[in-house]
Amino acid sequence: MKKTTFMDKYPVFSLTIDKSECKYETMQEVVEDLKAKIDAHPIAKFIALFDHYAHTKNINGEIAPEILDAKNIVFCFGAAIPNSKILAVRPRSIGLCETKDQFIVDFLEAPKEELHVLMETWAKSLAKA
């Protein structure tokens, strides 16, 4: 995983997987794998799949030419609400992008280290062993 600071303030973790190194051939298979991991987790709750590519195309928005598909898996790990500020970092989202030769997984750093490590594990599990 590679950590970058997007727009000088957002800690984003990214993993690029060459399609030849991915367990899956299609975006749908990648989505199904991650959704299954969310559904199997004892506190995670799947919320939605947002087709970011279709949305942006429908509003005539700009899409980088190398991007073939882009989706967000929206879910929440929220087991407690200790204060109002925690709501600002929930729910979580894993961004999935498909190019001709790669799948790219991006997500913001999670406030709890153990859940951040779990999301890294989920992303890395998409690659062939």
Protein backbone atom coordinates (compact mmCIF):
# COMPACT_ATOMS: atom_id res chain seq x y z
CA MET A 1 0.00 0.00 0.00
CA LYS A 2 1.14 3.48 -0.72
CA LYS A 3 0.15 6.42 1.47
CA THR A 4 -0.23 9.84 -0.12
CA THR A 5 -1.69 13.11 1.04
CA PHE A 6 -4.39 14.08 -1.44
CA MET A 7 -5.10 17.80 -1.86
CA ASP A 8 -2.60 18.55 0.93
CA LYS A 9 -4.89 17.19 3.65
CA TYR A 10 -6.47 13.77 3.02
CA PRO A 11 -4.42 10.67 3.96
CA VAL A 12 -5.22 8.23 1.15
CA PHE A 13 -3.94 4.68 0.93
CA SER A 14 -3.70 3.17 -2.54
CA LEU A 15 -2.97 -0.21 -4.01
CA THR A 16 -2.53 -0.75 -7.74
CA ILE A 17 -2.91 -4.32 -8.94
CA ASP A 18 -2.04 -5.30 -12.48
CA LYS A 19 -4.93 -7.29 -13.92
CA SER A 20 -2.52 -10.14 -14.60
CA GLU A 21 -1.76 -10.20 -10.85
CA CYS A 22 -5.39 -9.93 -9.68
CA LYS A 23 -7.50 -12.89 -8.60
CA TYR A 24 -10.37 -11.43 -10.61
CA GLU A 25 -10.92 -10.39 -14.20
CA THR A 26 -13.84 -7.98 -13.81
CA MET A 27 -14.80 -5.03 -11.63
CA GLN A 28 -17.96 -6.91 -10.62
CA GLU A 29 -15.89 -9.78 -9.22
CA VAL A 30 -13.71 -7.33 -7.25
CA VAL A 31 -16.83 -5.64 -5.84
CA GLU A 32 -18.38 -9.00 -4.89
CA ASP A 33 -15.19 -10.07 -3.08
CA LEU A 34 -15.00 -6.91 -0.98
CA LYS A 35 -18.75 -6.90 -0.28
CA ALA A 36 -18.48 -10.50 0.96
CA LYS A 37 -15.67 -9.45 3.31
CA ILE A 38 -17.79 -6.59 4.65
CA ASP A 39 -20.83 -8.85 5.07
CA ALA A 40 -18.74 -11.46 6.92
CA HIS A 41 -17.24 -8.94 9.37
CA PRO A 42 -18.92 -8.97 12.81
CA ILE A 43 -19.49 -5.19 13.02
CA ALA A 44 -19.18 -3.93 9.45
CA LYS A 45 -22.40 -3.00 7.65
CA PHE A 46 -22.65 -2.72 3.87
CA ILE A 47 -24.54 0.43 2.91
CA ALA A 48 -24.37 0.85 -0.85
CA LEU A 49 -22.46 0.49 -4.06
CA PHE A 50 -22.10 3.85 -5.78
CA ASP A 51 -21.39 3.74 -9.52
CA HIS A 52 -19.22 6.84 -9.62
CA TYR A 53 -18.38 6.34 -13.31
CA ALA A 54 -22.03 6.21 -14.43
CA HIS A 55 -22.92 9.20 -12.25
CA THR A 56 -20.08 11.33 -13.60
CA LYS A 57 -20.83 10.32 -17.19
CA ASN A 58 -24.55 11.11 -16.75
CA ILE A 59 -23.80 14.66 -15.63
CA ASN A 60 -21.27 15.12 -18.44
CA GLY A 61 -18.48 15.35 -15.86
CA GLU A 62 -14.81 14.92 -16.62
CA ILE A 63 -13.40 11.39 -16.51
CA ALA A 64 -9.72 10.70 -17.12
CA PRO A 65 -9.44 8.83 -20.43
CA GLU A 66 -7.63 5.85 -18.87
CA ILE A 67 -10.49 5.19 -16.41
CA LEU A 68 -12.87 2.49 -17.66
CA ASP A 69 -14.94 2.11 -14.48
CA ALA A 70 -15.10 3.66 -11.00
CA LYS A 71 -17.16 2.52 -8.04
CA ASN A 72 -17.33 3.18 -4.30
CA ILE A 73 -18.25 0.49 -1.80
CA VAL A 74 -19.83 2.36 1.11
CA PHE A 75 -19.94 0.67 4.51
CA CYS A 76 -19.57 1.38 8.21
CA PHE A 77 -17.56 -0.11 11.06
CA GLY A 78 -19.39 2.02 13.65
CA ALA A 79 -19.77 0.05 16.88
CA ALA A 80 -20.05 3.13 19.09
CA ILE A 81 -20.78 6.83 18.91
CA PRO A 82 -18.48 8.28 21.58
CA ASN A 83 -19.00 11.85 20.34
CA SER A 84 -20.38 13.79 17.38
CA LYS A 85 -17.00 14.09 15.65
CA ILE A 86 -16.83 10.37 14.86
CA LEU A 87 -19.75 10.86 12.46
CA ALA A 88 -17.50 13.00 10.27
CA VAL A 89 -15.31 10.00 9.43
CA ARG A 90 -18.16 7.55 8.93
CA PRO A 91 -19.27 5.77 6.89
CA ARG A 92 -16.15 4.39 5.18
CA SER A 93 -15.69 4.07 1.45
CA ILE A 94 -13.36 1.98 -0.65
CA GLY A 95 -12.85 3.42 -4.11
CA LEU A 96 -12.31 0.99 -6.97
CA CYS A 97 -11.02 2.11 -10.31
CA GLU A 98 -10.47 0.04 -13.44
CA THR A 99 -8.09 0.92 -16.24
CA LYS A 100 -7.10 -1.15 -19.26
CA ASP A 101 -4.39 -3.03 -17.33
CA GLN A 102 -5.06 -2.39 -13.63
CA PHE A 103 -7.46 -2.27 -10.72
CA ILE A 104 -6.76 0.54 -8.26
CA VAL A 105 -8.03 0.46 -4.68
CA ASP A 106 -8.10 3.71 -2.66
CA PHE A 107 -9.42 4.60 0.79
CA LEU A 108 -8.97 7.26 3.44
CA GLU A 109 -7.02 6.40 6.54
CA ALA A 110 -9.34 5.01 9.20
CA PRO A 111 -9.36 6.54 12.70
CA LYS A 112 -8.86 3.11 14.34
CA GLU A 113 -5.58 1.45 13.42
CA GLU A 114 -6.98 -2.09 13.61
CA LEU A 115 -9.74 -1.27 11.11
CA HIS A 116 -7.28 0.49 8.84
CA VAL A 117 -5.07 -2.61 8.84
CA LEU A 118 -8.15 -4.71 8.06
CA MET A 119 -8.98 -2.57 5.01
CA GLU A 120 -5.37 -2.90 3.84
CA THR A 121 -5.65 -6.67 4.24
CA TRP A 122 -8.88 -6.71 2.23
CA ALA A 123 -7.27 -4.69 -0.58
CA LYS A 124 -4.11 -6.83 -0.66
CA SER A 125 -6.19 -10.02 -0.73
CA LEU A 126 -7.37 -9.12 -4.24
CA ALA A 127 -3.91 -9.93 -5.62
CA LYS A 128 -2.90 -13.46 -6.47
CA ALA A 129 -0.77 -15.05 -3.76
